[in-house]
PDB file of N, CA and C in Angstrom:
ATOM      1  N   UNK A   1     111.236 -12.456  96.578  1.00  0.00           N
ATOM      2  CA  UNK A   1     110.495 -13.662  96.865  1.00  0.00           C
ATOM      3  C   UNK A   1     110.943 -14.201  98.221  1.00  0.00           C
ATOM      4  N   UNK A   2     109.979 -14.524  99.052  1.00  0.00           N
ATOM      5  CA  UNK A   2     110.286 -15.036 100.383  1.00  0.00           C
ATOM      6  C   UNK A   2     110.905 -16.423 100.295  1.00  0.00           C
ATOM      7  N   UNK A   3     111.825 -16.681 101.192  1.00  0.00           N
ATOM      8  CA  UNK A   3     112.476 -17.993 101.211  1.00  0.00           C
ATOM      9  C   UNK A   3     111.934 -18.818 102.359  1.00  0.00           C
ATOM     10  N   UNK A   4     111.899 -20.108 102.140  1.00  0.00           N
ATOM     11  CA  UNK A   4     111.461 -21.035 103.158  1.00  0.00           C
ATOM     12  C   UNK A   4     112.355 -20.905 104.381  1.00  0.00           C
ATOM     13  N   UNK A   5     111.783 -21.140 105.549  1.00  0.00           N
ATOM     14  CA  UNK A   5     112.514 -21.014 106.809  1.00  0.00           C
ATOM     15  C   UNK A   5     113.812 -21.820 106.802  1.00  0.00           C
ATOM     16  N   UNK A   6     113.793 -23.008 106.235  1.00  0.00           N
ATOM     17  CA  UNK A   6     114.959 -23.882 106.252  1.00  0.00           C
ATOM     18  C   UNK A   6     115.809 -23.799 104.986  1.00  0.00           C
ATOM     19  N   UNK A   7     115.446 -22.896 104.084  1.00  0.00           N
ATOM     20  CA  UNK A   7     116.134 -22.775 102.799  1.00  0.00           C
ATOM     21  C   UNK A   7     117.647 -22.601 102.969  1.00  0.00           C
ATOM     22  N   UNK A   8     118.059 -21.664 103.773  1.00  0.00           N
ATOM     23  CA  UNK A   8     119.491 -21.373 103.933  1.00  0.00           C
ATOM     24  C   UNK A   8     120.224 -22.564 104.542  1.00  0.00           C
ATOM     25  N   UNK A   9     119.566 -23.291 105.444  1.00  0.00           N
ATOM     26  CA  UNK A   9     120.203 -24.455 106.069  1.00  0.00           C
ATOM     27  C   UNK A   9     120.424 -25.576 105.058  1.00  0.00           C
ATOM     28  N   UNK A  10     119.439 -25.789 104.197  1.00  0.00           N
ATOM     29  CA  UNK A  10     119.576 -26.809 103.153  1.00  0.00           C
ATOM     30  C   UNK A  10     120.681 -26.408 102.188  1.00  0.00           C
ATOM     31  N   UNK A  11     120.683 -25.153 101.792  1.00  0.00           N
ATOM     32  CA  UNK A  11     121.706 -24.652 100.869  1.00  0.00           C
ATOM     33  C   UNK A  11     123.107 -24.807 101.472  1.00  0.00           C
ATOM     34  N   UNK A  12     123.267 -24.421 102.727  1.00  0.00           N
ATOM     35  CA  UNK A  12     124.571 -24.543 103.393  1.00  0.00           C
ATOM     36  C   UNK A  12     125.002 -26.004 103.517  1.00  0.00           C
ATOM     37  N   UNK A  13     124.057 -26.893 103.812  1.00  0.00           N
ATOM     38  CA  UNK A  13     124.383 -28.318 103.929  1.00  0.00           C
ATOM     39  C   UNK A  13     124.844 -28.880 102.588  1.00  0.00           C
ATOM     40  N   UNK A  14     124.181 -28.477 101.509  1.00  0.00           N
ATOM     41  CA  UNK A  14     124.596 -28.931 100.180  1.00  0.00           C
ATOM     42  C   UNK A  14     126.003 -28.434  99.852  1.00  0.00           C
ATOM     43  N   UNK A  15     126.255 -27.158 100.116  1.00  0.00           N
ATOM     44  CA  UNK A  15     127.583 -26.591  99.841  1.00  0.00           C
ATOM     45  C   UNK A  15     128.652 -27.268 100.689  1.00  0.00           C
ATOM     46  N   UNK A  16     128.344 -27.530 101.954  1.00  0.00           N
ATOM     47  CA  UNK A  16     129.297 -28.199 102.838  1.00  0.00           C
ATOM     48  C   UNK A  16     129.621 -29.608 102.343  1.00  0.00           C
ATOM     49  N   UNK A  17     128.654 -30.233 101.680  1.00  0.00           N
ATOM     50  CA  UNK A  17     128.835 -31.580 101.147  1.00  0.00           C
ATOM     51  C   UNK A  17     129.505 -31.573  99.771  1.00  0.00           C
ATOM     52  N   UNK A  18     129.897 -30.396  99.304  1.00  0.00           N
ATOM     53  CA  UNK A  18     130.624 -30.316  98.041  1.00  0.00           C
ATOM     54  C   UNK A  18     129.790 -29.988  96.822  1.00  0.00           C
ATOM     55  N   UNK A  19     128.516 -29.675  97.006  1.00  0.00           N
ATOM     56  CA  UNK A  19     127.659 -29.318  95.885  1.00  0.00           C
ATOM     57  C   UNK A  19     127.873 -27.859  95.509  1.00  0.00           C
ATOM     58  N   UNK A  20     127.854 -27.568  94.225  1.00  0.00           N
ATOM     59  CA  UNK A  20     127.905 -26.191  93.728  1.00  0.00           C
ATOM     60  C   UNK A  20     126.479 -25.773  93.398  1.00  0.00           C
ATOM     61  N   UNK A  21     125.997 -24.740  94.050  1.00  0.00           N
ATOM     62  CA  UNK A  21     124.648 -24.244  93.783  1.00  0.00           C
ATOM     63  C   UNK A  21     124.673 -23.532  92.436  1.00  0.00           C
ATOM     64  N   UNK A  22     123.886 -24.013  91.488  1.00  0.00           N
ATOM     65  CA  UNK A  22     123.887 -23.453  90.136  1.00  0.00           C
ATOM     66  C   UNK A  22     122.722 -22.512  89.887  1.00  0.00           C
ATOM     67  N   UNK A  23     121.618 -22.712  90.567  1.00  0.00           N
ATOM     68  CA  UNK A  23     120.431 -21.874  90.399  1.00  0.00           C
ATOM     69  C   UNK A  23     119.698 -21.770  91.729  1.00  0.00           C
ATOM     70  N   UNK A  24     119.360 -20.550  92.110  1.00  0.00           N
ATOM     71  CA  UNK A  24     118.634 -20.338  93.353  1.00  0.00           C
ATOM     72  C   UNK A  24     117.731 -19.115  93.187  1.00  0.00           C
ATOM     73  N   UNK A  25     116.498 -19.328  92.707  1.00  0.00           N
ATOM     74  CA  UNK A  25     115.780 -20.582  92.527  1.00  0.00           C
ATOM     75  C   UNK A  25     116.026 -21.208  91.161  1.00  0.00           C
ATOM     76  N   UNK A  26     115.609 -22.438  91.026  1.00  0.00           N
ATOM     77  CA  UNK A  26     115.683 -23.169  89.767  1.00  0.00           C
ATOM     78  C   UNK A  26     114.295 -23.111  89.137  1.00  0.00           C
ATOM     79  N   UNK A  27     114.187 -22.468  87.985  1.00  0.00           N
ATOM     80  CA  UNK A  27     112.897 -22.285  87.323  1.00  0.00           C
ATOM     81  C   UNK A  27     112.672 -23.417  86.334  1.00  0.00           C
ATOM     82  N   UNK A  28     111.504 -24.013  86.402  1.00  0.00           N
ATOM     83  CA  UNK A  28     111.140 -25.112  85.509  1.00  0.00           C
ATOM     84  C   UNK A  28     110.136 -24.631  84.471  1.00  0.00           C
ATOM     85  N   UNK A  29     110.304 -25.079  83.243  1.00  0.00           N
ATOM     86  CA  UNK A  29     109.351 -24.781  82.178  1.00  0.00           C
ATOM     87  C   UNK A  29     109.036 -26.085  81.455  1.00  0.00           C
ATOM     88  N   UNK A  30     107.758 -26.323  81.231  1.00  0.00           N
ATOM     89  CA  UNK A  30     107.340 -27.513  80.487  1.00  0.00           C
ATOM     90  C   UNK A  30     106.068 -27.185  79.724  1.00  0.00           C
ATOM     91  N   UNK A  31     106.068 -27.557  78.458  1.00  0.00           N
ATOM     92  CA  UNK A  31     104.905 -27.337  77.608  1.00  0.00           C
ATOM     93  C   UNK A  31     104.407 -25.895  77.702  1.00  0.00           C
ATOM     94  N   UNK A  32     105.314 -24.964  77.581  1.00  0.00           N
ATOM     95  CA  UNK A  32     105.040 -23.527  77.590  1.00  0.00           C
ATOM     96  C   UNK A  32     104.484 -23.013  78.915  1.00  0.00           C
ATOM     97  N   UNK A  33     104.589 -23.800  79.962  1.00  0.00           N
ATOM     98  CA  UNK A  33     104.170 -23.362  81.292  1.00  0.00           C
ATOM     99  C   UNK A  33     105.416 -23.198  82.141  1.00  0.00           C
ATOM    100  N   UNK A  34     105.511 -22.059  82.828  1.00  0.00           N
ATOM    101  CA  UNK A  34     106.637 -21.834  83.733  1.00  0.00           C
ATOM    102  C   UNK A  34     106.184 -22.150  85.149  1.00  0.00           C
ATOM    103  N   UNK A  35     106.912 -23.035  85.791  1.00  0.00           N
ATOM    104  CA  UNK A  35     106.607 -23.412  87.163  1.00  0.00           C
ATOM    105  C   UNK A  35     107.556 -22.678  88.090  1.00  0.00           C
ATOM    106  N   UNK A  36     106.976 -21.902  88.970  1.00  0.00           N
ATOM    107  CA  UNK A  36     107.764 -21.233  89.995  1.00  0.00           C
ATOM    108  C   UNK A  36     107.176 -21.620  91.338  1.00  0.00           C
ATOM    109  N   UNK A  37     108.013 -21.627  92.315  1.00  0.00           N
ATOM    110  CA  UNK A  37     107.526 -21.962  93.646  1.00  0.00           C
ATOM    111  C   UNK A  37     106.696 -20.806  94.188  1.00  0.00           C
ATOM    112  N   UNK A  38     105.872 -21.094  95.202  1.00  0.00           N
ATOM    113  CA  UNK A  38     104.986 -20.081  95.766  1.00  0.00           C
ATOM    114  C   UNK A  38     105.763 -18.892  96.300  1.00  0.00           C
ATOM    115  N   UNK A  39     105.145 -17.725  96.215  1.00  0.00           N
ATOM    116  CA  UNK A  39     105.735 -16.538  96.816  1.00  0.00           C
ATOM    117  C   UNK A  39     105.856 -16.694  98.323  1.00  0.00           C
ATOM    118  N   UNK A  40     104.953 -17.441  98.903  1.00  0.00           N
ATOM    119  CA  UNK A  40     104.932 -17.572 100.350  1.00  0.00           C
ATOM    120  C   UNK A  40     106.209 -18.087 100.964  1.00  0.00           C
ATOM    121  N   UNK A  41     106.672 -19.265 100.545  1.00  0.00           N
ATOM    122  CA  UNK A  41     107.796 -19.809 101.294  1.00  0.00           C
ATOM    123  C   UNK A  41     108.453 -21.027 100.692  1.00  0.00           C
ATOM    124  N   UNK A  42     108.611 -21.093  99.421  1.00  0.00           N
ATOM    125  CA  UNK A  42     109.319 -22.233  98.881  1.00  0.00           C
ATOM    126  C   UNK A  42     110.322 -21.819  97.819  1.00  0.00           C
ATOM    127  N   UNK A  43     111.316 -22.617  97.649  1.00  0.00           N
ATOM    128  CA  UNK A  43     112.341 -22.398  96.629  1.00  0.00           C
ATOM    129  C   UNK A  43     112.813 -23.744  96.112  1.00  0.00           C
ATOM    130  N   UNK A  44     113.204 -23.752  94.882  1.00  0.00           N
ATOM    131  CA  UNK A  44     113.935 -24.891  94.336  1.00  0.00           C
ATOM    132  C   UNK A  44     115.395 -24.495  94.286  1.00  0.00           C
ATOM    133  N   UNK A  45     116.248 -25.385  94.634  1.00  0.00           N
ATOM    134  CA  UNK A  45     117.686 -25.153  94.556  1.00  0.00           C
ATOM    135  C   UNK A  45     118.242 -26.156  93.561  1.00  0.00           C
ATOM    136  N   UNK A  46     119.092 -25.705  92.670  1.00  0.00           N
ATOM    137  CA  UNK A  46     119.757 -26.621  91.748  1.00  0.00           C
ATOM    138  C   UNK A  46     121.228 -26.677  92.114  1.00  0.00           C
ATOM    139  N   UNK A  47     121.804 -27.864  92.032  1.00  0.00           N
ATOM    140  CA  UNK A  47     123.203 -28.038  92.404  1.00  0.00           C
ATOM    141  C   UNK A  47     123.842 -29.124  91.552  1.00  0.00           C
ATOM    142  N   UNK A  48     125.166 -29.035  91.445  1.00  0.00           N
ATOM    143  CA  UNK A  48     125.923 -30.065  90.734  1.00  0.00           C
ATOM    144  C   UNK A  48     127.093 -30.515  91.590  1.00  0.00           C
ATOM    145  N   UNK A  49     127.485 -31.773  91.402  1.00  0.00           N
ATOM    146  CA  UNK A  49     128.637 -32.338  92.096  1.00  0.00           C
ATOM    147  C   UNK A  49     129.162 -33.428  91.185  1.00  0.00           C
ATOM    148  N   UNK A  50     130.407 -33.284  90.750  1.00  0.00           N
ATOM    149  CA  UNK A  50     130.971 -34.173  89.734  1.00  0.00           C
ATOM    150  C   UNK A  50     130.058 -34.090  88.519  1.00  0.00           C
ATOM    151  N   UNK A  51     129.518 -35.196  88.065  1.00  0.00           N
ATOM    152  CA  UNK A  51     128.601 -35.170  86.923  1.00  0.00           C
ATOM    153  C   UNK A  51     127.145 -35.319  87.343  1.00  0.00           C
ATOM    154  N   UNK A  52     126.874 -35.240  88.618  1.00  0.00           N
ATOM    155  CA  UNK A  52     125.519 -35.419  89.128  1.00  0.00           C
ATOM    156  C   UNK A  52     124.843 -34.065  89.308  1.00  0.00           C
ATOM    157  N   UNK A  53     123.567 -33.980  88.905  1.00  0.00           N
ATOM    158  CA  UNK A  53     122.796 -32.747  89.045  1.00  0.00           C
ATOM    159  C   UNK A  53     121.522 -33.043  89.821  1.00  0.00           C
ATOM    160  N   UNK A  54     121.192 -32.141  90.747  1.00  0.00           N
ATOM    161  CA  UNK A  54     119.979 -32.307  91.541  1.00  0.00           C
ATOM    162  C   UNK A  54     119.193 -31.002  91.581  1.00  0.00           C
ATOM    163  N   UNK A  55     117.925 -31.118  91.908  1.00  0.00           N
ATOM    164  CA  UNK A  55     117.070 -29.980  92.246  1.00  0.00           C
ATOM    165  C   UNK A  55     116.423 -30.327  93.578  1.00  0.00           C
ATOM    166  N   UNK A  56     116.340 -29.352  94.473  1.00  0.00           N
ATOM    167  CA  UNK A  56     115.816 -29.607  95.811  1.00  0.00           C
ATOM    168  C   UNK A  56     114.667 -28.649  96.097  1.00  0.00           C
ATOM    169  N   UNK A  57     113.519 -29.199  96.449  1.00  0.00           N
ATOM    170  CA  UNK A  57     112.373 -28.421  96.898  1.00  0.00           C
ATOM    171  C   UNK A  57     112.401 -28.423  98.418  1.00  0.00           C
ATOM    172  N   UNK A  58     112.408 -27.241  99.028  1.00  0.00           N
ATOM    173  CA  UNK A  58     112.510 -27.106 100.481  1.00  0.00           C
ATOM    174  C   UNK A  58     111.123 -26.828 101.062  1.00  0.00           C
ATOM    175  N   UNK A  59     110.726 -27.604 102.045  1.00  0.00           N
ATOM    176  CA  UNK A  59     109.442 -27.419 102.722  1.00  0.00           C
ATOM    177  C   UNK A  59     109.654 -27.423 104.227  1.00  0.00           C
ATOM    178  N   UNK A  60     109.023 -26.459 104.925  1.00  0.00           N
ATOM    179  CA  UNK A  60     109.199 -26.332 106.370  1.00  0.00           C
ATOM    180  C   UNK A  60     108.119 -27.006 107.204  1.00  0.00           C
ATOM    181  N   UNK A  61     106.929 -27.203 106.646  1.00  0.00           N
ATOM    182  CA  UNK A  61     105.822 -27.813 107.383  1.00  0.00           C
ATOM    183  C   UNK A  61     105.499 -27.017 108.648  1.00  0.00           C
ATOM    184  N   UNK A  62     105.199 -25.738 108.499  1.00  0.00           N
ATOM    185  CA  UNK A  62     104.949 -24.866 109.641  1.00  0.00           C
ATOM    186  C   UNK A  62     103.470 -24.728 110.007  1.00  0.00           C
ATOM    187  N   UNK A  63     102.575 -25.133 109.128  1.00  0.00           N
ATOM    188  CA  UNK A  63     101.143 -25.018 109.427  1.00  0.00           C
ATOM    189  C   UNK A  63     100.721 -26.038 110.473  1.00  0.00           C
ATOM    190  N   UNK A  64      99.575 -25.762 111.074  1.00  0.00           N
ATOM    191  CA  UNK A  64      99.031 -26.656 112.095  1.00  0.00           C
ATOM    192  C   UNK A  64      98.802 -28.063 111.551  1.00  0.00           C
ATOM    193  N   UNK A  65      98.223 -28.151 110.353  1.00  0.00           N
ATOM    194  CA  UNK A  65      97.913 -29.455 109.768  1.00  0.00           C
ATOM    195  C   UNK A  65      99.106 -29.980 108.973  1.00  0.00           C
ATOM    196  N   UNK A  66      99.793 -30.930 109.546  1.00  0.00           N
ATOM    197  CA  UNK A  66     100.950 -31.529 108.868  1.00  0.00           C
ATOM    198  C   UNK A  66     100.510 -32.379 107.684  1.00  0.00           C
ATOM    199  N   UNK A  67      99.311 -32.968 107.771  1.00  0.00           N
ATOM    200  CA  UNK A  67      98.792 -33.760 106.661  1.00  0.00           C
ATOM    201  C   UNK A  67      98.531 -32.852 105.462  1.00  0.00           C
ATOM    202  N   UNK A  68      97.951 -31.669 105.705  1.00  0.00           N
ATOM    203  CA  UNK A  68      97.733 -30.702 104.626  1.00  0.00           C
ATOM    204  C   UNK A  68      99.067 -30.310 103.993  1.00  0.00           C
ATOM    205  N   UNK A  69     100.048 -30.025 104.817  1.00  0.00           N
ATOM    206  CA  UNK A  69     101.375 -29.643 104.321  1.00  0.00           C
ATOM    207  C   UNK A  69     101.991 -30.774 103.500  1.00  0.00           C
ATOM    208  N   UNK A  70     101.813 -32.017 103.965  1.00  0.00           N
ATOM    209  CA  UNK A  70     102.351 -33.162 103.247  1.00  0.00           C
ATOM    210  C   UNK A  70     101.695 -33.282 101.871  1.00  0.00           C
ATOM    211  N   UNK A  71     100.380 -33.148 101.821  1.00  0.00           N
ATOM    212  CA  UNK A  71      99.675 -33.219 100.537  1.00  0.00           C
ATOM    213  C   UNK A  71     100.128 -32.099  99.611  1.00  0.00           C
ATOM    214  N   UNK A  72     100.279 -30.904 100.133  1.00  0.00           N
ATOM    215  CA  UNK A  72     100.751 -29.766  99.348  1.00  0.00           C
ATOM    216  C   UNK A  72     102.164 -30.018  98.820  1.00  0.00           C
ATOM    217  N   UNK A  73     103.034 -30.502  99.680  1.00  0.00           N
ATOM    218  CA  UNK A  73     104.422 -30.768  99.279  1.00  0.00           C
ATOM    219  C   UNK A  73     104.490 -31.844  98.201  1.00  0.00           C
ATOM    220  N   UNK A  74     103.722 -32.910  98.361  1.00  0.00           N
ATOM    221  CA  UNK A  74     103.743 -33.993  97.375  1.00  0.00           C
ATOM    222  C   UNK A  74     103.137 -33.554  96.048  1.00  0.00           C
ATOM    223  N   UNK A  75     102.103 -32.705  96.104  1.00  0.00           N
ATOM    224  CA  UNK A  75     101.526 -32.174  94.874  1.00  0.00           C
ATOM    225  C   UNK A  75     102.527 -31.333  94.109  1.00  0.00           C
ATOM    226  N   UNK A  76     103.220 -30.448  94.812  1.00  0.00           N
ATOM    227  CA  UNK A  76     104.250 -29.636  94.166  1.00  0.00           C
ATOM    228  C   UNK A  76     105.385 -30.511  93.662  1.00  0.00           C
ATOM    229  N   UNK A  77     105.792 -31.466  94.468  1.00  0.00           N
ATOM    230  CA  UNK A  77     106.883 -32.351  94.078  1.00  0.00           C
ATOM    231  C   UNK A  77     106.548 -33.067  92.772  1.00  0.00           C
ATOM    232  N   UNK A  78     105.343 -33.606  92.670  1.00  0.00           N
ATOM    233  CA  UNK A  78     104.945 -34.316  91.454  1.00  0.00           C
ATOM    234  C   UNK A  78     104.884 -33.391  90.247  1.00  0.00           C
ATOM    235  N   UNK A  79     104.387 -32.172  90.437  1.00  0.00           N
ATOM    236  CA  UNK A  79     104.348 -31.197  89.343  1.00  0.00           C
ATOM    237  C   UNK A  79     105.755 -30.868  88.879  1.00  0.00           C
ATOM    238  N   UNK A  80     106.654 -30.625  89.823  1.00  0.00           N
ATOM    239  CA  UNK A  80     108.037 -30.299  89.474  1.00  0.00           C
ATOM    240  C   UNK A  80     108.733 -31.490  88.824  1.00  0.00           C
ATOM    241  N   UNK A  81     108.435 -32.696  89.293  1.00  0.00           N
ATOM    242  CA  UNK A  81     109.046 -33.895  88.701  1.00  0.00           C
ATOM    243  C   UNK A  81     108.639 -34.033  87.241  1.00  0.00           C
ATOM    244  N   UNK A  82     107.379 -33.770  86.938  1.00  0.00           N
ATOM    245  CA  UNK A  82     106.900 -33.823  85.558  1.00  0.00           C
ATOM    246  C   UNK A  82     107.624 -32.789  84.698  1.00  0.00           C
ATOM    247  N   UNK A  83     107.698 -31.560  85.186  1.00  0.00           N
ATOM    248  CA  UNK A  83     108.363 -30.496  84.428  1.00  0.00           C
ATOM    249  C   UNK A  83     109.849 -30.783  84.268  1.00  0.00           C
ATOM    250  N   UNK A  84     110.480 -31.290  85.313  1.00  0.00           N
ATOM    251  CA  UNK A  84     111.910 -31.592  85.261  1.00  0.00           C
ATOM    252  C   UNK A  84     112.202 -32.695  84.255  1.00  0.00           C
ATOM    253  N   UNK A  85     111.325 -33.672  84.170  1.00  0.00           N
ATOM    254  CA  UNK A  85     111.505 -34.763  83.208  1.00  0.00           C
ATOM    255  C   UNK A  85     111.526 -34.222  81.781  1.00  0.00           C
ATOM    256  N   UNK A  86     110.743 -33.199  81.514  1.00  0.00           N
ATOM    257  CA  UNK A  86     110.717 -32.579  80.188  1.00  0.00           C
ATOM    258  C   UNK A  86     111.905 -31.653  79.962  1.00  0.00           C
ATOM    259  N   UNK A  87     112.252 -30.883  80.982  1.00  0.00           N
ATOM    260  CA  UNK A  87     113.274 -29.848  80.842  1.00  0.00           C
ATOM    261  C   UNK A  87     114.687 -30.386  80.965  1.00  0.00           C
ATOM    262  N   UNK A  88     114.914 -31.199  81.958  1.00  0.00           N
ATOM    263  CA  UNK A  88     116.274 -31.663  82.240  1.00  0.00           C
ATOM    264  C   UNK A  88     116.221 -33.037  82.915  1.00  0.00           C
ATOM    265  N   UNK A  89     115.979 -34.095  82.139  1.00  0.00           N
ATOM    266  CA  UNK A  89     115.768 -35.421  82.722  1.00  0.00           C
ATOM    267  C   UNK A  89     116.974 -35.990  83.468  1.00  0.00           C
ATOM    268  N   UNK A  90     118.143 -35.444  83.249  1.00  0.00           N
ATOM    269  CA  UNK A  90     119.329 -35.954  83.951  1.00  0.00           C
ATOM    270  C   UNK A  90     119.440 -35.407  85.374  1.00  0.00           C
ATOM    271  N   UNK A  91     118.594 -34.442  85.733  1.00  0.00           N
ATOM    272  CA  UNK A  91     118.631 -33.846  87.073  1.00  0.00           C
ATOM    273  C   UNK A  91     117.634 -34.577  87.977  1.00  0.00           C
ATOM    274  N   UNK A  92     118.069 -34.996  89.163  1.00  0.00           N
ATOM    275  CA  UNK A  92     117.224 -35.706  90.124  1.00  0.00           C
ATOM    276  C   UNK A  92     116.581 -34.706  91.077  1.00  0.00           C
ATOM    277  N   UNK A  93     115.283 -34.859  91.308  1.00  0.00           N
ATOM    278  CA  UNK A  93     114.542 -33.978  92.206  1.00  0.00           C
ATOM    279  C   UNK A  93     114.456 -34.596  93.598  1.00  0.00           C
ATOM    280  N   UNK A  94     114.728 -33.783  94.623  1.00  0.00           N
ATOM    281  CA  UNK A  94     114.616 -34.201  96.018  1.00  0.00           C
ATOM    282  C   UNK A  94     113.713 -33.243  96.766  1.00  0.00           C
ATOM    283  N   UNK A  95     113.153 -33.712  97.859  1.00  0.00           N
ATOM    284  CA  UNK A  95     112.342 -32.902  98.752  1.00  0.00           C
ATOM    285  C   UNK A  95     113.068 -32.808 100.086  1.00  0.00           C
ATOM    286  N   UNK A  96     113.344 -31.589 100.540  1.00  0.00           N
ATOM    287  CA  UNK A  96     114.004 -31.382 101.835  1.00  0.00           C
ATOM    288  C   UNK A  96     112.938 -31.001 102.860  1.00  0.00           C
ATOM    289  N   UNK A  97     112.875 -31.767 103.947  1.00  0.00           N
ATOM    290  CA  UNK A  97     111.901 -31.521 105.011  1.00  0.00           C
ATOM    291  C   UNK A  97     112.617 -31.593 106.357  1.00  0.00           C
ATOM    292  N   UNK A  98     112.044 -30.972 107.394  1.00  0.00           N
ATOM    293  CA  UNK A  98     112.636 -31.080 108.730  1.00  0.00           C
ATOM    294  C   UNK A  98     112.674 -32.541 109.198  1.00  0.00           C
ATOM    295  N   UNK A  99     113.638 -32.857 110.037  1.00  0.00           N
ATOM    296  CA  UNK A  99     113.829 -34.240 110.483  1.00  0.00           C
ATOM    297  C   UNK A  99     112.594 -34.814 111.169  1.00  0.00           C
ATOM    298  N   UNK A 100     111.933 -34.018 112.007  1.00  0.00           N
ATOM    299  CA  UNK A 100     110.751 -34.540 112.704  1.00  0.00           C
ATOM    300  C   UNK A 100     109.627 -34.895 111.723  1.00  0.00           C
ATOM    301  N   UNK A 101     109.491 -34.149 110.648  1.00  0.00           N
ATOM    302  CA  UNK A 101     108.488 -34.447 109.620  1.00  0.00           C
ATOM    303  C   UNK A 101     108.890 -35.706 108.859  1.00  0.00           C
ATOM    304  N   UNK A 102     110.168 -35.826 108.579  1.00  0.00           N
ATOM    305  CA  UNK A 102     110.676 -37.031 107.917  1.00  0.00           C
ATOM    306  C   UNK A 102     110.329 -38.271 108.743  1.00  0.00           C
ATOM    307  N   UNK A 103     110.594 -38.205 110.036  1.00  0.00           N
ATOM    308  CA  UNK A 103     110.345 -39.357 110.906  1.00  0.00           C
ATOM    309  C   UNK A 103     108.851 -39.614 111.107  1.00  0.00           C
ATOM    310  N   UNK A 104     108.062 -38.536 111.208  1.00  0.00           N
ATOM    311  CA  UNK A 104     106.634 -38.667 111.490  1.00  0.00           C
ATOM    312  C   UNK A 104     105.822 -39.116 110.275  1.00  0.00           C
ATOM    313  N   UNK A 105     106.164 -38.594 109.083  1.00  0.00           N
ATOM    314  CA  UNK A 105     105.349 -38.860 107.903  1.00  0.00           C
ATOM    315  C   UNK A 105     106.053 -39.676 106.827  1.00  0.00           C
ATOM    316  N   UNK A 106     107.259 -39.337 106.515  1.00  0.00           N
ATOM    317  CA  UNK A 106     107.899 -39.894 105.331  1.00  0.00           C
ATOM    318  C   UNK A 106     108.559 -41.252 105.557  1.00  0.00           C
ATOM    319  N   UNK A 107     108.476 -41.776 106.754  1.00  0.00           N
ATOM    320  CA  UNK A 107     108.935 -43.136 107.008  1.00  0.00           C
ATOM    321  C   UNK A 107     107.804 -44.146 106.856  1.00  0.00           C
ATOM    322  N   UNK A 108     106.616 -43.659 106.570  1.00  0.00           N
ATOM    323  CA  UNK A 108     105.477 -44.549 106.341  1.00  0.00           C
ATOM    324  C   UNK A 108     105.616 -45.199 104.976  1.00  0.00           C
ATOM    325  N   UNK A 109     105.172 -46.413 104.865  1.00  0.00           N
ATOM    326  CA  UNK A 109     105.356 -47.203 103.644  1.00  0.00           C
ATOM    327  C   UNK A 109     104.855 -46.495 102.394  1.00  0.00           C
ATOM    328  N   UNK A 110     103.704 -45.832 102.463  1.00  0.00           N
ATOM    329  CA  UNK A 110     103.148 -45.210 101.267  1.00  0.00           C
ATOM    330  C   UNK A 110     103.925 -43.980 100.821  1.00  0.00           C
ATOM    331  N   UNK A 111     104.841 -43.470 101.627  1.00  0.00           N
ATOM    332  CA  UNK A 111     105.609 -42.276 101.259  1.00  0.00           C
ATOM    333  C   UNK A 111     107.090 -42.552 101.042  1.00  0.00           C
ATOM    334  N   UNK A 112     107.522 -43.766 101.153  1.00  0.00           N
ATOM    335  CA  UNK A 112     108.948 -44.068 101.024  1.00  0.00           C
ATOM    336  C   UNK A 112     109.471 -43.888  99.610  1.00  0.00           C
ATOM    337  N   UNK A 113     108.591 -43.686  98.633  1.00  0.00           N
ATOM    338  CA  UNK A 113     109.013 -43.485  97.248  1.00  0.00           C
ATOM    339  C   UNK A 113     109.554 -42.081  97.004  1.00  0.00           C
ATOM    340  N   UNK A 114     109.304 -41.144  97.908  1.00  0.00           N
ATOM    341  CA  UNK A 114     109.715 -39.756  97.707  1.00  0.00           C
ATOM    342  C   UNK A 114     111.194 -39.608  98.031  1.00  0.00           C
ATOM    343  N   UNK A 115     112.023 -39.147  97.062  1.00  0.00           N
ATOM    344  CA  UNK A 115     113.445 -38.935  97.342  1.00  0.00           C
ATOM    345  C   UNK A 115     113.630 -37.715  98.245  1.00  0.00           C
ATOM    346  N   UNK A 116     114.153 -37.931  99.428  1.00  0.00           N
ATOM    347  CA  UNK A 116     114.340 -36.847 100.395  1.00  0.00           C
ATOM    348  C   UNK A 116     115.815 -36.572 100.606  1.00  0.00           C
ATOM    349  N   UNK A 117     116.098 -35.331 100.970  1.00  0.00           N
ATOM    350  CA  UNK A 117     117.479 -35.007 101.353  1.00  0.00           C
ATOM    351  C   UNK A 117     117.461 -34.205 102.619  1.00  0.00           C
TER     352      UNK A 117
END
């Protein structure tokens, strides 16, 4: 399965911050449906630190249309959040995006609800 362009950087940053990567990728199942990230370029990473558990969806935003990429990322994020709530509600889901995308899109008021890392 292909990995997102920034996947290794996110993984290394988590490890450097003291997180133990527990699943790469992290597979979600809810209501007999298995959610896996696209073959194209996404992965979920699961990590633990002390008693805290997270899952991270990595998105590179490489297509021409950043708005399309944002809609795609938020759609996947919401689907994974629903599945995670059923499978492992104690794990927090985050979306990892490049800094320029964070500043350009995710600082807007309507998107500030998305937990980013």
